[in-house]
N, C-alpha and C. Protein backbone atom coordinates (compact mmCIF):
# COMPACT_ATOMS: atom_id res chain seq x y z
N MET A 1 36.43 33.91 27.47
CA MET A 1 36.26 34.63 26.42
C MET A 1 37.04 34.12 25.32
N PHE A 2 38.27 33.56 25.68
CA PHE A 2 39.21 32.90 24.24
C PHE A 2 38.86 31.44 23.78
N ALA A 3 38.69 31.28 22.96
CA ALA A 3 38.44 29.78 22.40
C ALA A 3 39.88 28.88 22.15
N LYS A 4 40.86 29.95 21.83
CA LYS A 4 42.36 29.21 21.67
C LYS A 4 43.10 30.18 22.61
N TYR A 5 44.37 30.16 22.20
CA TYR A 5 45.48 31.21 22.81
C TYR A 5 45.02 32.38 23.00
N LEU A 6 44.96 33.09 21.50
CA LEU A 6 44.46 34.37 21.15
C LEU A 6 43.11 34.45 20.47
N LYS A 7 42.43 33.63 20.24
CA LYS A 7 41.37 33.56 19.20
C LYS A 7 39.87 33.82 20.13
N VAL A 8 39.49 34.85 19.91
CA VAL A 8 38.45 35.41 20.98
C VAL A 8 36.83 34.52 20.21
N ASN A 9 36.07 34.24 21.12
CA ASN A 9 35.06 33.52 20.84
C ASN A 9 33.85 34.42 20.32
N ASN A 10 32.90 33.98 19.43
CA ASN A 10 32.05 34.80 18.65
C ASN A 10 31.26 35.68 19.90
N ALA A 11 31.01 34.89 21.06
CA ALA A 11 30.02 35.43 21.75
C ALA A 11 30.52 34.56 23.45
N CYS A 12 30.06 35.54 24.46
CA CYS A 12 30.29 35.11 25.81
C CYS A 12 29.62 33.90 25.94
N GLY A 13 30.28 32.89 26.51
CA GLY A 13 29.56 31.49 26.92
C GLY A 13 28.62 31.67 27.99
N ASP A 14 28.58 32.62 28.86
CA ASP A 14 27.55 33.02 29.93
C ASP A 14 26.55 34.06 29.76
N CYS A 15 26.77 35.11 29.15
CA CYS A 15 25.60 35.91 29.12
C CYS A 15 25.14 35.95 27.54
N GLY A 16 26.01 35.72 26.38
CA GLY A 16 25.64 35.38 25.06
C GLY A 16 26.16 37.20 24.55
N THR A 17 26.49 37.56 25.34
CA THR A 17 27.22 39.09 24.86
C THR A 17 28.05 38.91 23.68
N GLU A 18 27.65 39.38 22.26
CA GLU A 18 28.67 38.92 21.17
C GLU A 18 29.95 39.73 21.06
N LEU A 19 31.16 39.09 20.96
CA LEU A 19 32.40 39.60 20.95
C LEU A 19 33.07 39.56 19.70
N HIS A 20 32.41 39.24 18.55
CA HIS A 20 33.11 39.05 17.20
C HIS A 20 33.46 40.44 16.65
N HIS A 21 32.99 41.36 17.21
CA HIS A 21 33.13 42.79 16.55
C HIS A 21 34.14 43.52 17.17
N HIS A 22 35.03 42.94 18.04
CA HIS A 22 36.11 43.78 18.92
C HIS A 22 37.22 44.10 17.95
N GLN A 23 37.89 45.34 18.12
CA GLN A 23 39.06 45.89 17.49
C GLN A 23 40.34 45.68 18.40
N ALA A 24 40.48 44.74 18.89
CA ALA A 24 41.92 44.76 19.48
C ALA A 24 43.15 45.22 18.71
N ASP A 25 43.37 44.64 17.58
CA ASP A 25 44.12 44.77 16.77
C ASP A 25 45.54 44.72 17.20
N ASP A 26 46.49 46.05 17.14
CA ASP A 26 47.90 46.32 17.61
C ASP A 26 48.15 46.49 18.84
N ALA A 27 47.09 47.17 19.54
CA ALA A 27 47.36 47.41 21.11
C ALA A 27 47.73 46.48 22.16
N PRO A 28 47.23 45.31 22.17
CA PRO A 28 48.01 44.15 23.15
C PRO A 28 49.17 43.86 22.78
N PRO A 29 49.67 43.67 21.55
CA PRO A 29 51.44 43.33 21.29
C PRO A 29 52.13 44.51 21.64
N TYR A 30 51.66 45.82 21.39
CA TYR A 30 52.52 47.18 21.60
C TYR A 30 52.56 47.16 23.40
N LEU A 31 51.43 46.89 23.85
CA LEU A 31 51.51 46.98 25.44
C LEU A 31 52.28 46.11 25.85
N THR A 32 52.15 44.88 25.24
CA THR A 32 53.08 43.73 25.88
C THR A 32 54.51 43.87 25.83
N ILE A 33 55.09 44.61 24.41
CA ILE A 33 56.45 44.82 24.35
C ILE A 33 56.90 45.88 25.33
N LEU A 34 55.62 46.74 25.57
CA LEU A 34 56.14 47.91 26.53
C LEU A 34 56.59 47.74 27.80
N ILE A 35 55.45 46.75 28.29
CA ILE A 35 55.70 46.07 29.74
C ILE A 35 56.65 45.31 29.94
N VAL A 36 57.07 44.38 28.89
CA VAL A 36 58.00 43.25 29.02
C VAL A 36 59.41 44.13 28.89
N GLY A 37 59.59 44.96 27.94
CA GLY A 37 60.78 45.56 27.97
C GLY A 37 61.19 46.70 29.17
N HIS A 38 59.99 46.99 29.82
CA HIS A 38 60.30 47.81 31.15
C HIS A 38 60.32 47.00 32.24
N VAL A 39 60.21 45.42 32.33
CA VAL A 39 60.81 44.68 33.17
C VAL A 39 62.19 44.27 33.25
N VAL A 40 62.38 43.70 31.97
CA VAL A 40 63.58 42.83 31.49
C VAL A 40 64.60 44.04 31.53
N LEU A 41 64.68 44.87 30.68
CA LEU A 41 65.69 45.56 30.70
C LEU A 41 66.42 46.29 32.24
N PRO A 42 65.57 46.68 33.04
CA PRO A 42 66.12 47.23 34.45
C PRO A 42 66.87 45.88 35.12
N GLY A 43 66.06 44.92 35.13
CA GLY A 43 66.41 43.71 35.64
C GLY A 43 67.75 43.15 34.93
N LEU A 44 68.06 43.11 33.83
CA LEU A 44 68.99 42.96 33.01
C LEU A 44 70.53 43.76 33.73
N VAL A 45 70.09 45.08 33.34
CA VAL A 45 71.05 45.88 34.11
C VAL A 45 71.55 46.04 35.45
N MET A 46 70.41 46.13 36.45
CA MET A 46 70.68 45.56 37.80
C MET A 46 71.28 44.28 38.00
N THR A 47 71.15 43.44 37.44
CA THR A 47 71.79 41.90 37.51
C THR A 47 73.42 42.09 37.27
N GLU A 48 73.70 42.72 36.19
CA GLU A 48 75.00 42.94 35.87
C GLU A 48 75.68 44.01 36.42
N ARG A 49 75.19 44.92 37.14
CA ARG A 49 75.81 46.05 38.14
C ARG A 49 76.33 45.26 39.36
N LEU A 50 75.15 44.51 39.94
CA LEU A 50 75.40 43.91 41.39
C LEU A 50 76.05 42.82 41.56
N TYR A 51 75.70 41.88 40.54
CA TYR A 51 76.54 40.51 40.57
C TYR A 51 77.63 40.19 39.61
N HIS A 52 77.50 40.65 38.30
CA HIS A 52 78.80 40.56 37.50
C HIS A 52 78.63 39.04 36.99
N PRO A 53 77.59 38.64 36.91
CA PRO A 53 77.25 37.15 36.35
C PRO A 53 78.06 36.61 34.90
N GLU A 54 78.51 35.51 34.73
CA GLU A 54 79.38 35.36 33.36
C GLU A 54 78.14 35.52 32.48
N THR A 55 78.56 35.61 31.26
CA THR A 55 77.83 35.87 30.04
C THR A 55 76.82 34.88 29.83
N TRP A 56 77.20 33.33 30.01
CA TRP A 56 76.09 32.58 29.72
C TRP A 56 74.84 32.66 30.66
N VAL A 57 75.58 33.46 31.72
CA VAL A 57 73.92 33.23 32.60
C VAL A 57 73.05 34.33 32.03
N HIS A 58 73.43 35.65 31.38
CA HIS A 58 72.44 36.19 30.69
C HIS A 58 72.18 35.49 29.68
N TYR A 59 72.67 34.84 28.95
CA TYR A 59 72.18 34.27 27.76
C TYR A 59 71.31 33.08 28.02
N ALA A 60 71.30 32.66 29.41
CA ALA A 60 70.28 31.84 29.72
C ALA A 60 68.90 32.24 30.15
N LEU A 61 69.10 33.39 30.98
CA LEU A 61 67.98 33.98 31.70
C LEU A 61 67.38 34.85 30.87
N TRP A 62 67.76 35.71 30.34
CA TRP A 62 66.85 37.01 29.76
C TRP A 62 66.20 36.63 28.70
N PRO A 63 66.75 35.74 27.88
CA PRO A 63 65.64 35.25 26.64
C PRO A 63 64.31 34.34 27.11
N ALA A 64 64.52 33.61 28.01
CA ALA A 64 63.72 32.77 28.60
C ALA A 64 62.77 33.96 29.01
N LEU A 65 63.02 34.70 30.06
CA LEU A 65 62.31 35.41 30.83
C LEU A 65 61.36 36.46 29.81
N THR A 66 62.04 37.07 28.85
CA THR A 66 61.37 37.69 28.08
C THR A 66 60.32 36.93 27.32
N VAL A 67 60.75 35.74 26.69
CA VAL A 67 59.54 35.32 25.95
C VAL A 67 58.37 34.64 26.92
N GLY A 68 58.77 34.12 27.95
CA GLY A 68 57.81 33.89 29.31
C GLY A 68 57.04 35.03 29.48
N LEU A 69 57.29 35.97 29.98
CA LEU A 69 56.55 37.13 30.00
C LEU A 69 55.85 37.46 28.90
N ALA A 70 56.24 37.59 27.95
CA ALA A 70 55.32 37.92 26.69
C ALA A 70 54.47 36.88 26.44
N LEU A 71 54.43 35.47 26.66
CA LEU A 71 53.27 34.77 26.34
C LEU A 71 52.35 34.69 27.51
N THR A 72 52.70 35.02 28.54
CA THR A 72 51.88 34.88 29.49
C THR A 72 51.13 36.18 29.77
N LEU A 73 51.67 37.33 29.45
CA LEU A 73 50.95 38.71 29.40
C LEU A 73 50.02 39.09 28.10
N LEU A 74 50.19 38.55 27.05
CA LEU A 74 49.74 38.79 25.77
C LEU A 74 48.19 38.39 25.76
N PRO A 75 47.79 37.35 26.11
CA PRO A 75 46.30 37.13 26.06
C PRO A 75 45.77 38.05 27.38
N ARG A 76 46.34 38.07 28.29
CA ARG A 76 45.81 38.99 29.49
C ARG A 76 45.44 40.24 29.09
N ILE A 77 46.68 41.00 28.51
CA ILE A 77 46.15 42.23 27.86
C ILE A 77 45.18 42.46 26.69
N LYS A 78 45.19 41.13 25.88
CA LYS A 78 44.09 41.31 24.96
C LYS A 78 42.78 41.26 25.55
N GLY A 79 42.61 40.59 26.48
CA GLY A 79 41.27 40.32 27.11
C GLY A 79 41.14 41.64 27.82
N THR A 80 42.16 42.25 28.40
CA THR A 80 42.00 43.53 29.05
C THR A 80 41.41 44.89 27.89
N VAL A 81 41.76 44.91 26.81
CA VAL A 81 41.83 45.82 25.47
C VAL A 81 40.35 45.26 25.23
N ILE A 82 39.81 44.23 25.27
CA ILE A 82 38.62 43.89 24.80
C ILE A 82 37.48 44.18 25.82
N ALA A 83 37.79 43.94 26.97
CA ALA A 83 37.19 44.40 28.09
C ALA A 83 36.95 45.95 28.33
N LEU A 84 37.94 46.57 27.75
CA LEU A 84 37.63 47.94 27.92
C LEU A 84 36.95 48.56 26.97
N GLN A 85 36.88 48.04 25.42
CA GLN A 85 36.36 48.67 24.72
C GLN A 85 34.70 47.85 25.02
N TRP A 86 34.39 46.84 25.85
CA TRP A 86 33.17 46.64 25.72
C TRP A 86 32.68 47.55 27.03
N ALA A 87 33.57 47.92 28.05
CA ALA A 87 32.95 48.93 28.86
C ALA A 87 32.64 50.40 28.74
N GLN A 88 33.38 50.59 27.50
CA GLN A 88 33.32 51.78 26.80
C GLN A 88 32.24 52.07 25.64
N ARG A 89 31.68 51.07 25.36
CA ARG A 89 30.85 50.68 24.37
C ARG A 89 31.28 50.89 23.02
N MET A 90 32.61 50.67 22.57
CA MET A 90 33.25 51.13 21.51
C MET A 90 33.03 49.84 20.50
N HIS A 91 33.00 50.17 19.09
CA HIS A 91 33.61 49.23 18.19
C HIS A 91 32.10 48.06 18.13
N GLY A 92 31.11 48.71 18.02
CA GLY A 92 29.86 47.90 18.07
C GLY A 92 29.38 47.31 19.77
N PHE A 93 29.96 47.23 20.43
CA PHE A 93 29.20 46.71 21.67
C PHE A 93 28.49 47.32 22.35
N GLY A 94 28.06 48.85 21.64
CA GLY A 94 26.91 49.49 22.21
C GLY A 94 25.92 49.69 21.37
N ASN A 95 25.79 48.92 20.43
CA ASN A 95 24.47 48.97 19.39
C ASN A 95 23.41 48.75 19.69
N ASN A 96 23.22 47.79 20.88
CA ASN A 96 21.94 47.11 21.47
C ASN A 96 21.86 47.55 22.93
N PRO A 97 21.43 48.77 23.01
CA PRO A 97 21.34 49.44 24.39
C PRO A 97 20.45 48.61 25.65
N GLY A 98 20.94 48.22 26.81
CA GLY A 98 20.20 47.61 27.59
C GLY A 98 20.51 45.94 27.61
N ALA A 99 21.22 45.67 26.49
CA ALA A 99 21.48 43.94 26.26
C ALA A 99 22.37 43.57 27.04
N ASN A 100 23.47 44.66 27.40
CA ASN A 100 24.62 43.96 28.11
C ASN A 100 24.58 44.69 29.81
N THR A 101 23.31 44.67 30.29
CA THR A 101 23.30 45.04 31.58
C THR A 101 23.14 43.78 32.33
């Protein structure tokens, strides 16, 4: 589905379904921030309360985990949003009935 990290191909390489008219826009970054925040913040608080690590441990662990999770989840969530648009025939995916069967 992707030509580069977040660049969507104009069409599917297998079936030829056009993908250029998707409108993922702001949903993938928003959902990524929501998920990463709900994973990292409770982890940070629980680690502090249970283990009381040195401050440098927090500085080393949490930014790296946050960036790593965000960069891993963003293309997967964008692909999911585009797949949902395709499945619901939204934003031009349903213009040619029967072509996507």
